[in-house]
Amino acid sequence: MEGEIAIMRNEFCHCGSGKKYKKCCMREDQDLEGAIRSKAVCGGEELACPELEAMMNEVVEAFARQDLEGLTRLSLAMQKIDPKHSLSAYVHGLKDSLSGDFFGAIKHFEAAVAFQPKLWVAWINQGLILSAVGMYKRAESCFMQVLDNCEEEEYRSSAQEGIEALSCSAQPLPLM
């Protein structure tokens, strides 16, 4: 069934650790939800973070090589610099998707776009992961968010491909 992903305290954690959710990722999830709520309340634009932006070339290279260890290292470093920044959440989502924790990836891509609604690549990757786990309506809304609001052709064409893949029931596309 489509909709929100709800994990009960005593269920096994979505990250695949084998631990119960309450002993594993529950605190991190609650911290992330609190950060999103406080960001929504203040309504301000996210400030630039040159340290995080400088690390993005390494992130792109690590993801292209499918280097989970390198991506994990970069994600942890970015979390230490600013855990409530869209790029930190986005890179954590990439790491989760590469490790196979798709529900964790969805959570972090959602946080990234909550922190920075114009982070188009996060919308697209969130849509791709949602389609991979069978949440097609939510995936379509992510792709439509890009088509309706983004003027950059690269992102628009990726979102259009995502919509077409959903309508054709084609294989999910690889992450950007």
C-alpha atoms as a PDB file:
ATOM      1  CA  MET A   1       0.000   0.000   0.000  1.00  0.00           C
ATOM      2  CA  GLU A   2       1.264   3.458  -0.833  1.00  0.00           C
ATOM      3  CA  GLY A   3       1.624   6.157   1.740  1.00  0.00           C
ATOM      4  CA  GLU A   4       3.838   6.932   4.637  1.00  0.00           C
ATOM      5  CA  ILE A   5       6.460   4.476   5.768  1.00  0.00           C
ATOM      6  CA  ALA A   6       5.710   3.611   9.384  1.00  0.00           C
ATOM      7  CA  ILE A   7       8.041   1.488  11.435  1.00  0.00           C
ATOM      8  CA  MET A   8       6.952   0.437  14.900  1.00  0.00           C
ATOM      9  CA  ARG A   9       9.436   0.619  17.795  1.00  0.00           C
ATOM     10  CA  ASN A  10       9.751  -3.146  18.200  1.00  0.00           C
ATOM     11  CA  GLU A  11      10.034  -4.031  14.507  1.00  0.00           C
ATOM     12  CA  PHE A  12      13.375  -4.733  12.898  1.00  0.00           C
ATOM     13  CA  CYS A  13      15.118  -1.597  11.688  1.00  0.00           C
ATOM     14  CA  HIS A  14      14.805  -0.530   8.045  1.00  0.00           C
ATOM     15  CA  CYS A  15      18.599  -0.195   7.743  1.00  0.00           C
ATOM     16  CA  GLY A  16      19.098  -3.965   7.743  1.00  0.00           C
ATOM     17  CA  SER A  17      21.230  -4.100  10.897  1.00  0.00           C
ATOM     18  CA  GLY A  18      19.069  -6.826  12.424  1.00  0.00           C
ATOM     19  CA  LYS A  19      18.464  -4.682  15.513  1.00  0.00           C
ATOM     20  CA  LYS A  20      15.095  -3.448  16.687  1.00  0.00           C
ATOM     21  CA  TYR A  21      14.194  -0.012  15.394  1.00  0.00           C
ATOM     22  CA  LYS A  22      14.115   1.525  18.890  1.00  0.00           C
ATOM     23  CA  LYS A  23      17.724   0.419  19.501  1.00  0.00           C
ATOM     24  CA  CYS A  24      19.016   1.417  16.072  1.00  0.00           C
ATOM     25  CA  CYS A  25      17.759   4.298  13.899  1.00  0.00           C
ATOM     26  CA  MET A  26      14.728   5.590  15.826  1.00  0.00           C
ATOM     27  CA  ARG A  27      16.600   8.461  17.524  1.00  0.00           C
ATOM     28  CA  GLU A  28      18.212   9.570  14.250  1.00  0.00           C
ATOM     29  CA  ASP A  29      14.821   9.471  12.513  1.00  0.00           C
ATOM     30  CA  GLN A  30      13.247  11.571  15.273  1.00  0.00           C
ATOM     31  CA  ASP A  31      16.110  14.088  15.130  1.00  0.00           C
ATOM     32  CA  LEU A  32      15.685  14.358  11.360  1.00  0.00           C
ATOM     33  CA  GLU A  33      11.914  14.852  11.674  1.00  0.00           C
ATOM     34  CA  GLY A  34      12.492  17.562  14.292  1.00  0.00           C
ATOM     35  CA  ALA A  35      14.981  19.335  12.040  1.00  0.00           C
ATOM     36  CA  ILE A  36      12.504  19.263   9.158  1.00  0.00           C
ATOM     37  CA  ARG A  37       9.724  20.654  11.371  1.00  0.00           C
ATOM     38  CA  SER A  38      11.929  23.468  12.716  1.00  0.00           C
ATOM     39  CA  LYS A  39      13.046  24.324   9.168  1.00  0.00           C
ATOM     40  CA  ALA A  40       9.391  24.507   8.088  1.00  0.00           C
ATOM     41  CA  VAL A  41       8.496  26.724  11.053  1.00  0.00           C
ATOM     42  CA  CYS A  42      11.278  29.244  10.420  1.00  0.00           C
ATOM     43  CA  GLY A  43      10.565  29.135   6.671  1.00  0.00           C
ATOM     44  CA  GLY A  44      13.978  30.544   5.796  1.00  0.00           C
ATOM     45  CA  GLU A  45      16.154  29.713   2.842  1.00  0.00           C
ATOM     46  CA  GLU A  46      18.968  27.354   3.574  1.00  0.00           C
ATOM     47  CA  LEU A  47      22.345  29.047   3.934  1.00  0.00           C
ATOM     48  CA  ALA A  48      25.179  28.008   1.672  1.00  0.00           C
ATOM     49  CA  CYS A  49      27.777  25.764   3.259  1.00  0.00           C
ATOM     50  CA  PRO A  50      31.051  25.987   1.307  1.00  0.00           C
ATOM     51  CA  GLU A  51      32.590  23.042   3.192  1.00  0.00           C
ATOM     52  CA  LEU A  52      29.786  20.719   2.111  1.00  0.00           C
ATOM     53  CA  GLU A  53      29.656  22.064  -1.427  1.00  0.00           C
ATOM     54  CA  ALA A  54      33.403  21.487  -1.783  1.00  0.00           C
ATOM     55  CA  MET A  55      32.917  17.811  -0.882  1.00  0.00           C
ATOM     56  CA  MET A  56      30.297  17.182  -3.579  1.00  0.00           C
ATOM     57  CA  ASN A  57      32.830  16.377  -6.327  1.00  0.00           C
ATOM     58  CA  GLU A  58      34.182  13.572  -4.142  1.00  0.00           C
ATOM     59  CA  VAL A  59      30.621  12.396  -3.504  1.00  0.00           C
ATOM     60  CA  VAL A  60      29.839  12.257  -7.232  1.00  0.00           C
ATOM     61  CA  GLU A  61      33.047  10.322  -7.913  1.00  0.00           C
ATOM     62  CA  ALA A  62      32.442   7.864  -5.044  1.00  0.00           C
ATOM     63  CA  PHE A  63      28.852   7.251  -6.160  1.00  0.00           C
ATOM     64  CA  ALA A  64      29.909   6.751  -9.783  1.00  0.00           C
ATOM     65  CA  ARG A  65      32.429   4.120  -8.625  1.00  0.00           C
ATOM     66  CA  GLN A  66      29.755   2.536  -6.378  1.00  0.00           C
ATOM     67  CA  ASP A  67      32.250   3.044  -3.505  1.00  0.00           C
ATOM     68  CA  LEU A  68      30.073   2.422  -0.444  1.00  0.00           C
ATOM     69  CA  GLU A  69      32.986   2.804   1.973  1.00  0.00           C
ATOM     70  CA  GLY A  70      33.999   6.160   0.481  1.00  0.00           C
ATOM     71  CA  LEU A  71      30.411   7.390   0.381  1.00  0.00           C
ATOM     72  CA  THR A  72      29.907   6.346   4.013  1.00  0.00           C
ATOM     73  CA  ARG A  73      33.054   8.233   5.028  1.00  0.00           C
ATOM     74  CA  LEU A  74      31.918  11.352   3.150  1.00  0.00           C
ATOM     75  CA  SER A  75      28.393  11.110   4.565  1.00  0.00           C
ATOM     76  CA  LEU A  76      29.710  10.919   8.130  1.00  0.00           C
ATOM     77  CA  ALA A  77      32.047  13.872   7.527  1.00  0.00           C
ATOM     78  CA  MET A  78      29.182  15.939   6.105  1.00  0.00           C
ATOM     79  CA  GLN A  79      26.913  15.024   9.024  1.00  0.00           C
ATOM     80  CA  LYS A  80      29.588  16.344  11.415  1.00  0.00           C
ATOM     81  CA  ILE A  81      29.832  19.651   9.532  1.00  0.00           C
ATOM     82  CA  ASP A  82      26.072  20.304   9.350  1.00  0.00           C
ATOM     83  CA  PRO A  83      23.606  17.451   9.951  1.00  0.00           C
ATOM     84  CA  LYS A  84      20.628  19.688   9.136  1.00  0.00           C
ATOM     85  CA  HIS A  85      21.798  20.729   5.677  1.00  0.00           C
ATOM     86  CA  SER A  86      20.178  19.443   2.482  1.00  0.00           C
ATOM     87  CA  LEU A  87      23.484  18.191   1.070  1.00  0.00           C
ATOM     88  CA  SER A  88      24.188  16.146   4.219  1.00  0.00           C
ATOM     89  CA  ALA A  89      20.755  14.538   3.985  1.00  0.00           C
ATOM     90  CA  TYR A  90      21.118  13.998   0.227  1.00  0.00           C
ATOM     91  CA  VAL A  91      24.491  12.256   0.520  1.00  0.00           C
ATOM     92  CA  HIS A  92      23.148  10.113   3.370  1.00  0.00           C
ATOM     93  CA  GLY A  93      20.316   9.130   1.015  1.00  0.00           C
ATOM     94  CA  LEU A  94      22.814   8.169  -1.698  1.00  0.00           C
ATOM     95  CA  LYS A  95      24.740   6.059   0.819  1.00  0.00           C
ATOM     96  CA  ASP A  96      21.532   4.359   1.963  1.00  0.00           C
ATOM     97  CA  SER A  97      20.465   3.608  -1.615  1.00  0.00           C
ATOM     98  CA  LEU A  98      23.878   2.156  -2.456  1.00  0.00           C
ATOM     99  CA  SER A  99      23.784  -0.052   0.646  1.00  0.00           C
ATOM    100  CA  GLY A 100      20.272  -1.294  -0.235  1.00  0.00           C
ATOM    101  CA  ASP A 101      18.462   0.580   2.562  1.00  0.00           C
ATOM    102  CA  PHE A 102      15.802   2.025   0.269  1.00  0.00           C
ATOM    103  CA  PHE A 103      13.490   3.185   3.051  1.00  0.00           C
ATOM    104  CA  GLY A 104      16.374   5.005   4.710  1.00  0.00           C
ATOM    105  CA  ALA A 105      17.204   6.564   1.326  1.00  0.00           C
ATOM    106  CA  ILE A 106      13.610   7.756   0.910  1.00  0.00           C
ATOM    107  CA  LYS A 107      13.692   9.291   4.393  1.00  0.00           C
ATOM    108  CA  HIS A 108      16.922  11.169   3.686  1.00  0.00           C
ATOM    109  CA  PHE A 109      15.888  12.349   0.208  1.00  0.00           C
ATOM    110  CA  GLU A 110      12.633  13.631   1.762  1.00  0.00           C
ATOM    111  CA  ALA A 111      14.694  15.501   4.353  1.00  0.00           C
ATOM    112  CA  ALA A 112      16.957  16.953   1.659  1.00  0.00           C
ATOM    113  CA  VAL A 113      14.020  18.426  -0.274  1.00  0.00           C
ATOM    114  CA  ALA A 114      12.384  19.610   2.942  1.00  0.00           C
ATOM    115  CA  PHE A 115      15.579  21.531   3.743  1.00  0.00           C
ATOM    116  CA  GLN A 116      16.053  22.724   0.133  1.00  0.00           C
ATOM    117  CA  PRO A 117      12.986  22.339  -2.124  1.00  0.00           C
ATOM    118  CA  LYS A 118      15.015  23.228  -5.241  1.00  0.00           C
ATOM    119  CA  LEU A 119      17.456  20.324  -4.853  1.00  0.00           C
ATOM    120  CA  TRP A 120      16.049  18.757  -8.032  1.00  0.00           C
ATOM    121  CA  VAL A 121      18.388  15.771  -8.095  1.00  0.00           C
ATOM    122  CA  ALA A 122      17.043  14.728  -4.674  1.00  0.00           C
ATOM    123  CA  TRP A 123      13.455  14.862  -5.993  1.00  0.00           C
ATOM    124  CA  ILE A 124      14.446  12.708  -8.964  1.00  0.00           C
ATOM    125  CA  ASN A 125      16.377  10.159  -6.915  1.00  0.00           C
ATOM    126  CA  GLN A 126      13.549  10.006  -4.389  1.00  0.00           C
ATOM    127  CA  GLY A 127      11.155   9.279  -7.260  1.00  0.00           C
ATOM    128  CA  LEU A 128      13.440   6.551  -8.603  1.00  0.00           C
ATOM    129  CA  ILE A 129      13.723   4.845  -5.207  1.00  0.00           C
ATOM    130  CA  LEU A 130       9.973   5.147  -4.610  1.00  0.00           C
ATOM    131  CA  SER A 131       9.289   3.505  -7.973  1.00  0.00           C
ATOM    132  CA  ALA A 132      11.786   0.740  -7.161  1.00  0.00           C
ATOM    133  CA  VAL A 133       9.859  -0.118  -3.976  1.00  0.00           C
ATOM    134  CA  GLY A 134       6.470   0.055  -5.719  1.00  0.00           C
ATOM    135  CA  MET A 135       5.256   3.438  -4.430  1.00  0.00           C
ATOM    136  CA  TYR A 136       4.325   4.655  -7.888  1.00  0.00           C
ATOM    137  CA  LYS A 137       1.978   7.536  -7.016  1.00  0.00           C
ATOM    138  CA  ARG A 138       4.529   9.089  -4.667  1.00  0.00           C
ATOM    139  CA  ALA A 139       7.234   8.550  -7.305  1.00  0.00           C
ATOM    140  CA  GLU A 140       5.111  10.303  -9.904  1.00  0.00           C
ATOM    141  CA  SER A 141       4.540  13.273  -7.586  1.00  0.00           C
ATOM    142  CA  CYS A 142       8.322  13.631  -7.125  1.00  0.00           C
ATOM    143  CA  PHE A 143       8.890  13.659 -10.876  1.00  0.00           C
ATOM    144  CA  MET A 144       6.003  16.103 -11.363  1.00  0.00           C
ATOM    145  CA  GLN A 145       7.510  18.419  -8.739  1.00  0.00           C
ATOM    146  CA  VAL A 146      10.566  18.742 -10.989  1.00  0.00           C
ATOM    147  CA  LEU A 147       8.554  19.106 -14.218  1.00  0.00           C
ATOM    148  CA  ASP A 148       6.283  21.752 -12.688  1.00  0.00           C
ATOM    149  CA  ASN A 149       8.957  23.841 -10.981  1.00  0.00           C
ATOM    150  CA  CYS A 150      12.390  23.318 -12.510  1.00  0.00           C
ATOM    151  CA  GLU A 151      13.660  25.143 -15.588  1.00  0.00           C
ATOM    152  CA  GLU A 152      16.922  23.194 -15.991  1.00  0.00           C
ATOM    153  CA  GLU A 153      16.646  20.862 -18.979  1.00  0.00           C
ATOM    154  CA  GLU A 154      18.886  18.119 -17.544  1.00  0.00           C
ATOM    155  CA  TYR A 155      16.593  17.626 -14.552  1.00  0.00           C
ATOM    156  CA  ARG A 156      13.400  18.053 -16.566  1.00  0.00           C
ATOM    157  CA  SER A 157      14.437  15.331 -19.026  1.00  0.00           C
ATOM    158  CA  SER A 158      15.381  12.970 -16.168  1.00  0.00           C
ATOM    159  CA  ALA A 159      12.007  13.593 -14.529  1.00  0.00           C
ATOM    160  CA  GLN A 160      10.252  13.006 -17.862  1.00  0.00           C
ATOM    161  CA  GLU A 161      12.124   9.698 -18.257  1.00  0.00           C
ATOM    162  CA  GLY A 162      10.965   8.744 -14.762  1.00  0.00           C
ATOM    163  CA  ILE A 163       7.332   9.490 -15.661  1.00  0.00           C
ATOM    164  CA  GLU A 164       7.651   7.505 -18.894  1.00  0.00           C
ATOM    165  CA  ALA A 165       9.205   4.558 -17.054  1.00  0.00           C
ATOM    166  CA  LEU A 166       6.267   4.578 -14.633  1.00  0.00           C
ATOM    167  CA  SER A 167       3.710   4.680 -17.448  1.00  0.00           C
ATOM    168  CA  CYS A 168       5.445   1.867 -19.361  1.00  0.00           C
ATOM    169  CA  SER A 169       6.061  -0.249 -16.268  1.00  0.00           C
ATOM    170  CA  ALA A 170       9.688  -0.320 -17.375  1.00  0.00           C
ATOM    171  CA  GLN A 171      12.613  -1.219 -15.164  1.00  0.00           C
ATOM    172  CA  PRO A 172      13.531   1.494 -12.644  1.00  0.00           C
ATOM    173  CA  LEU A 173      16.182   3.897 -13.892  1.00  0.00           C
ATOM    174  CA  PRO A 174      19.560   4.166 -12.143  1.00  0.00           C
ATOM    175  CA  LEU A 175      20.031   6.987  -9.638  1.00  0.00           C
ATOM    176  CA  MET A 176      21.546  10.260 -10.840  1.00  0.00           C
END
